[in-house]
Amino acid sequence: MKYAESRSARQHLIQNILANKAIASQNELLIELKKKGFAITQTTLSRDLDELGAIKTDDKKGQTKYSVPETDPDRTSDTGAARNRLEKLASDLVVGVDHSANLAVIHTPAGAAQFVASIVDHAALENVIGTIAGDNTVLVITKGLKDGESVASQIWEYVQFRR
């Protein structure tokens, strides 16, 4: 099977590998990915595993292996885990929040906006339609004319909660 050279294709492949083979280390997983045409760095793999919510568990034989918690088949990620991740990372990656009507704007350090946008997308916050990311700014588009304020407030609460 051929895979697109994209983050989502790579993460989909990682989920399939972990579901069908006992992988005890990131190095083993890097080897499996390379066999499928993905030559990535350990840093990228670590980020992928974190985004997927992968955890190390013990199997029935007492062997340690990576696994990805099951998710709703109609969604691309577990929204509860994604919201927890947003709460956890907001204080480190969000430097400011603003809003106007149905828009919320999240300011991040340089280079972090796409990562934050992905987390917001997967968190499936109420009334959020989607995000657009630049280098250090995320535009969050909401449904209602006043939803930008509530989404901005919610994200700012996550920032303040962990500080």
C-alpha atoms as a PDB file:
ATOM      1  CA  MET A   1       0.000   0.000   0.000  1.00  0.00           C
ATOM      2  CA  LYS A   2       1.198   3.510  -0.786  1.00  0.00           C
ATOM      3  CA  TYR A   3       0.873   6.259   1.767  1.00  0.00           C
ATOM      4  CA  ALA A   4       0.687   9.989   1.228  1.00  0.00           C
ATOM      5  CA  GLU A   5       3.597  11.871   2.706  1.00  0.00           C
ATOM      6  CA  SER A   6       1.533  13.735   5.267  1.00  0.00           C
ATOM      7  CA  ARG A   7       1.294  13.891   9.025  1.00  0.00           C
ATOM      8  CA  SER A   8      -2.200  12.416   9.042  1.00  0.00           C
ATOM      9  CA  ALA A   9      -1.177   9.504   6.789  1.00  0.00           C
ATOM     10  CA  ARG A  10       1.883   8.870   8.963  1.00  0.00           C
ATOM     11  CA  GLN A  11      -0.175   8.956  12.160  1.00  0.00           C
ATOM     12  CA  HIS A  12      -2.764   6.637  10.614  1.00  0.00           C
ATOM     13  CA  LEU A  13       0.032   4.203   9.771  1.00  0.00           C
ATOM     14  CA  ILE A  14       1.429   4.460  13.312  1.00  0.00           C
ATOM     15  CA  GLN A  15      -1.997   3.566  14.704  1.00  0.00           C
ATOM     16  CA  ASN A  16      -2.204   0.549  12.379  1.00  0.00           C
ATOM     17  CA  ILE A  17       1.287  -0.660  13.269  1.00  0.00           C
ATOM     18  CA  LEU A  18       0.633  -0.347  17.007  1.00  0.00           C
ATOM     19  CA  ALA A  19      -2.717  -2.122  16.673  1.00  0.00           C
ATOM     20  CA  ASN A  20      -1.209  -5.076  14.800  1.00  0.00           C
ATOM     21  CA  LYS A  21       2.284  -5.504  16.214  1.00  0.00           C
ATOM     22  CA  ALA A  22       3.821  -5.319  19.676  1.00  0.00           C
ATOM     23  CA  ILE A  23       6.236  -2.380  19.559  1.00  0.00           C
ATOM     24  CA  ALA A  24       8.297  -1.848  22.696  1.00  0.00           C
ATOM     25  CA  SER A  25      10.410   1.158  21.685  1.00  0.00           C
ATOM     26  CA  GLN A  26      10.377   4.187  19.463  1.00  0.00           C
ATOM     27  CA  ASN A  27      13.377   2.761  17.627  1.00  0.00           C
ATOM     28  CA  GLU A  28      11.380  -0.352  16.685  1.00  0.00           C
ATOM     29  CA  LEU A  29       8.561   1.860  15.456  1.00  0.00           C
ATOM     30  CA  LEU A  30      10.995   3.995  13.417  1.00  0.00           C
ATOM     31  CA  ILE A  31      12.198   0.802  11.690  1.00  0.00           C
ATOM     32  CA  GLU A  32       8.617  -0.244  10.877  1.00  0.00           C
ATOM     33  CA  LEU A  33       7.828   3.210   9.510  1.00  0.00           C
ATOM     34  CA  LYS A  34      10.975   3.174   7.377  1.00  0.00           C
ATOM     35  CA  LYS A  35       9.851  -0.150   5.849  1.00  0.00           C
ATOM     36  CA  LYS A  36       6.672   1.649   4.769  1.00  0.00           C
ATOM     37  CA  GLY A  37       8.544   4.609   3.277  1.00  0.00           C
ATOM     38  CA  PHE A  38       8.503   7.076   6.173  1.00  0.00           C
ATOM     39  CA  ALA A  39      12.013   8.123   7.178  1.00  0.00           C
ATOM     40  CA  ILE A  40      11.301  10.502  10.065  1.00  0.00           C
ATOM     41  CA  THR A  41      13.255  11.726  13.055  1.00  0.00           C
ATOM     42  CA  GLN A  42      12.789  10.458  16.589  1.00  0.00           C
ATOM     43  CA  THR A  43      11.538  13.926  17.544  1.00  0.00           C
ATOM     44  CA  THR A  44       8.778  13.779  14.932  1.00  0.00           C
ATOM     45  CA  LEU A  45       7.835  10.262  16.026  1.00  0.00           C
ATOM     46  CA  SER A  46       7.722  11.345  19.661  1.00  0.00           C
ATOM     47  CA  ARG A  47       5.415  14.255  18.733  1.00  0.00           C
ATOM     48  CA  ASP A  48       3.194  11.896  16.697  1.00  0.00           C
ATOM     49  CA  LEU A  49       2.917   9.440  19.583  1.00  0.00           C
ATOM     50  CA  ASP A  50       2.040  12.281  21.930  1.00  0.00           C
ATOM     51  CA  GLU A  51      -0.611  13.657  19.564  1.00  0.00           C
ATOM     52  CA  LEU A  52      -2.116  10.188  19.177  1.00  0.00           C
ATOM     53  CA  GLY A  53      -2.223   9.731  22.945  1.00  0.00           C
ATOM     54  CA  ALA A  54      -0.012   6.631  22.726  1.00  0.00           C
ATOM     55  CA  ILE A  55       0.948   5.079  26.018  1.00  0.00           C
ATOM     56  CA  LYS A  56       3.194   2.243  27.107  1.00  0.00           C
ATOM     57  CA  THR A  57       1.273  -0.692  28.560  1.00  0.00           C
ATOM     58  CA  ASP A  58       2.069  -4.198  29.708  1.00  0.00           C
ATOM     59  CA  ASP A  59       0.629  -7.003  27.634  1.00  0.00           C
ATOM     60  CA  LYS A  60      -0.555 -10.354  29.011  1.00  0.00           C
ATOM     61  CA  LYS A  61       3.008 -11.678  28.944  1.00  0.00           C
ATOM     62  CA  GLY A  62       4.347  -8.776  30.996  1.00  0.00           C
ATOM     63  CA  GLN A  63       6.036  -7.218  27.965  1.00  0.00           C
ATOM     64  CA  THR A  64       5.921  -3.441  27.579  1.00  0.00           C
ATOM     65  CA  LYS A  65       4.437  -2.149  24.336  1.00  0.00           C
ATOM     66  CA  TYR A  66       2.990   1.039  22.867  1.00  0.00           C
ATOM     67  CA  SER A  67      -0.733   1.274  22.401  1.00  0.00           C
ATOM     68  CA  VAL A  68      -3.156   3.941  21.271  1.00  0.00           C
ATOM     69  CA  PRO A  69      -6.389   4.216  23.257  1.00  0.00           C
ATOM     70  CA  GLU A  70      -9.435   3.312  21.192  1.00  0.00           C
ATOM     71  CA  THR A  71     -11.321   6.224  19.749  1.00  0.00           C
ATOM     72  CA  ASP A  72     -14.783   6.718  18.335  1.00  0.00           C
ATOM     73  CA  PRO A  73     -14.564   5.384  14.752  1.00  0.00           C
ATOM     74  CA  ASP A  74     -16.496   8.430  13.483  1.00  0.00           C
ATOM     75  CA  ARG A  75     -13.882  10.849  14.867  1.00  0.00           C
ATOM     76  CA  THR A  76     -10.202  11.162  14.128  1.00  0.00           C
ATOM     77  CA  SER A  77      -9.230  11.458  17.806  1.00  0.00           C
ATOM     78  CA  ASP A  78     -10.534  11.110  21.326  1.00  0.00           C
ATOM     79  CA  THR A  79     -11.857  14.601  22.071  1.00  0.00           C
ATOM     80  CA  GLY A  80     -11.578  14.145  25.836  1.00  0.00           C
ATOM     81  CA  ALA A  81      -7.881  13.348  25.554  1.00  0.00           C
ATOM     82  CA  ALA A  82      -7.433  16.221  23.105  1.00  0.00           C
ATOM     83  CA  ARG A  83      -9.090  18.657  25.504  1.00  0.00           C
ATOM     84  CA  ASN A  84      -6.836  17.456  28.313  1.00  0.00           C
ATOM     85  CA  ARG A  85      -3.894  17.974  26.001  1.00  0.00           C
ATOM     86  CA  LEU A  86      -5.068  21.508  25.177  1.00  0.00           C
ATOM     87  CA  GLU A  87      -5.398  22.269  28.888  1.00  0.00           C
ATOM     88  CA  LYS A  88      -1.943  20.838  29.561  1.00  0.00           C
ATOM     89  CA  LEU A  89      -0.123  22.659  26.759  1.00  0.00           C
ATOM     90  CA  ALA A  90      -1.991  25.976  26.731  1.00  0.00           C
ATOM     91  CA  SER A  91       0.115  27.585  29.444  1.00  0.00           C
ATOM     92  CA  ASP A  92       3.314  26.736  27.547  1.00  0.00           C
ATOM     93  CA  LEU A  93       2.156  27.486  24.006  1.00  0.00           C
ATOM     94  CA  VAL A  94      -0.421  30.273  24.302  1.00  0.00           C
ATOM     95  CA  VAL A  95       0.969  33.741  24.982  1.00  0.00           C
ATOM     96  CA  GLY A  96      -2.223  35.693  24.346  1.00  0.00           C
ATOM     97  CA  VAL A  97      -5.848  35.416  23.307  1.00  0.00           C
ATOM     98  CA  ASP A  98      -8.212  37.944  21.731  1.00  0.00           C
ATOM     99  CA  HIS A  99     -11.618  37.830  20.058  1.00  0.00           C
ATOM    100  CA  SER A 100     -13.993  39.645  17.765  1.00  0.00           C
ATOM    101  CA  ALA A 101     -17.552  38.511  17.030  1.00  0.00           C
ATOM    102  CA  ASN A 102     -17.277  34.908  15.796  1.00  0.00           C
ATOM    103  CA  LEU A 103     -13.467  34.840  15.801  1.00  0.00           C
ATOM    104  CA  ALA A 104     -10.939  33.998  18.475  1.00  0.00           C
ATOM    105  CA  VAL A 105      -7.253  34.701  17.931  1.00  0.00           C
ATOM    106  CA  ILE A 106      -4.582  32.720  19.754  1.00  0.00           C
ATOM    107  CA  HIS A 107      -1.027  34.098  19.851  1.00  0.00           C
ATOM    108  CA  THR A 108       1.793  31.570  20.247  1.00  0.00           C
ATOM    109  CA  PRO A 109       5.591  31.583  20.204  1.00  0.00           C
ATOM    110  CA  ALA A 110       7.081  31.542  16.697  1.00  0.00           C
ATOM    111  CA  GLY A 111       6.508  28.215  14.961  1.00  0.00           C
ATOM    112  CA  ALA A 112       3.919  26.868  17.414  1.00  0.00           C
ATOM    113  CA  ALA A 113       0.690  28.025  15.765  1.00  0.00           C
ATOM    114  CA  GLN A 114       0.104  24.976  13.567  1.00  0.00           C
ATOM    115  CA  PHE A 115       0.645  22.656  16.506  1.00  0.00           C
ATOM    116  CA  VAL A 116      -1.799  24.646  18.670  1.00  0.00           C
ATOM    117  CA  ALA A 117      -4.352  24.770  15.820  1.00  0.00           C
ATOM    118  CA  SER A 118      -4.176  20.991  15.504  1.00  0.00           C
ATOM    119  CA  ILE A 119      -4.782  20.570  19.213  1.00  0.00           C
ATOM    120  CA  VAL A 120      -7.768  22.962  19.086  1.00  0.00           C
ATOM    121  CA  ASP A 121      -9.180  21.108  16.061  1.00  0.00           C
ATOM    122  CA  HIS A 122      -8.920  17.734  17.786  1.00  0.00           C
ATOM    123  CA  ALA A 123     -10.362  19.071  21.044  1.00  0.00           C
ATOM    124  CA  ALA A 124     -13.661  19.705  19.213  1.00  0.00           C
ATOM    125  CA  LEU A 125     -14.535  22.690  21.403  1.00  0.00           C
ATOM    126  CA  GLU A 126     -18.193  23.611  21.366  1.00  0.00           C
ATOM    127  CA  ASN A 127     -19.114  26.058  18.574  1.00  0.00           C
ATOM    128  CA  VAL A 128     -15.693  25.883  16.881  1.00  0.00           C
ATOM    129  CA  ILE A 129     -15.948  25.372  13.132  1.00  0.00           C
ATOM    130  CA  GLY A 130     -12.220  25.242  12.431  1.00  0.00           C
ATOM    131  CA  THR A 131      -8.841  26.908  12.661  1.00  0.00           C
ATOM    132  CA  ILE A 132      -6.326  28.578  10.379  1.00  0.00           C
ATOM    133  CA  ALA A 133      -2.712  28.802  11.515  1.00  0.00           C
ATOM    134  CA  GLY A 134       0.162  31.040  10.570  1.00  0.00           C
ATOM    135  CA  ASP A 135       3.579  31.024  12.218  1.00  0.00           C
ATOM    136  CA  ASN A 136       2.615  32.495  15.581  1.00  0.00           C
ATOM    137  CA  THR A 137      -1.132  33.141  15.284  1.00  0.00           C
ATOM    138  CA  VAL A 138      -4.155  30.844  15.175  1.00  0.00           C
ATOM    139  CA  LEU A 139      -7.488  32.106  13.889  1.00  0.00           C
ATOM    140  CA  VAL A 140     -10.360  30.128  15.439  1.00  0.00           C
ATOM    141  CA  ILE A 141     -13.640  30.435  13.548  1.00  0.00           C
ATOM    142  CA  THR A 142     -16.805  29.881  15.568  1.00  0.00           C
ATOM    143  CA  LYS A 143     -20.479  29.418  14.689  1.00  0.00           C
ATOM    144  CA  GLY A 144     -22.281  32.282  16.420  1.00  0.00           C
ATOM    145  CA  LEU A 145     -21.589  36.012  16.440  1.00  0.00           C
ATOM    146  CA  LYS A 146     -20.639  35.978  20.133  1.00  0.00           C
ATOM    147  CA  ASP A 147     -18.946  32.579  20.263  1.00  0.00           C
ATOM    148  CA  GLY A 148     -15.492  34.035  19.623  1.00  0.00           C
ATOM    149  CA  GLU A 149     -15.518  35.577  23.074  1.00  0.00           C
ATOM    150  CA  SER A 150     -16.562  32.353  24.835  1.00  0.00           C
ATOM    151  CA  VAL A 151     -13.945  30.270  23.003  1.00  0.00           C
ATOM    152  CA  ALA A 152     -11.219  32.836  23.726  1.00  0.00           C
ATOM    153  CA  SER A 153     -12.255  32.860  27.400  1.00  0.00           C
ATOM    154  CA  GLN A 154     -12.198  29.075  27.577  1.00  0.00           C
ATOM    155  CA  ILE A 155      -8.704  28.876  26.100  1.00  0.00           C
ATOM    156  CA  TRP A 156      -7.471  31.658  28.394  1.00  0.00           C
ATOM    157  CA  GLU A 157      -8.838  29.710  31.388  1.00  0.00           C
ATOM    158  CA  TYR A 158      -6.671  26.769  30.296  1.00  0.00           C
ATOM    159  CA  VAL A 159      -3.659  29.089  30.169  1.00  0.00           C
ATOM    160  CA  GLN A 160      -4.317  30.474  33.656  1.00  0.00           C
ATOM    161  CA  PHE A 161      -5.201  27.075  35.152  1.00  0.00           C
ATOM    162  CA  ARG A 162      -1.720  25.599  34.670  1.00  0.00           C
ATOM    163  CA  ARG A 163       0.301  28.669  35.687  1.00  0.00           C
END
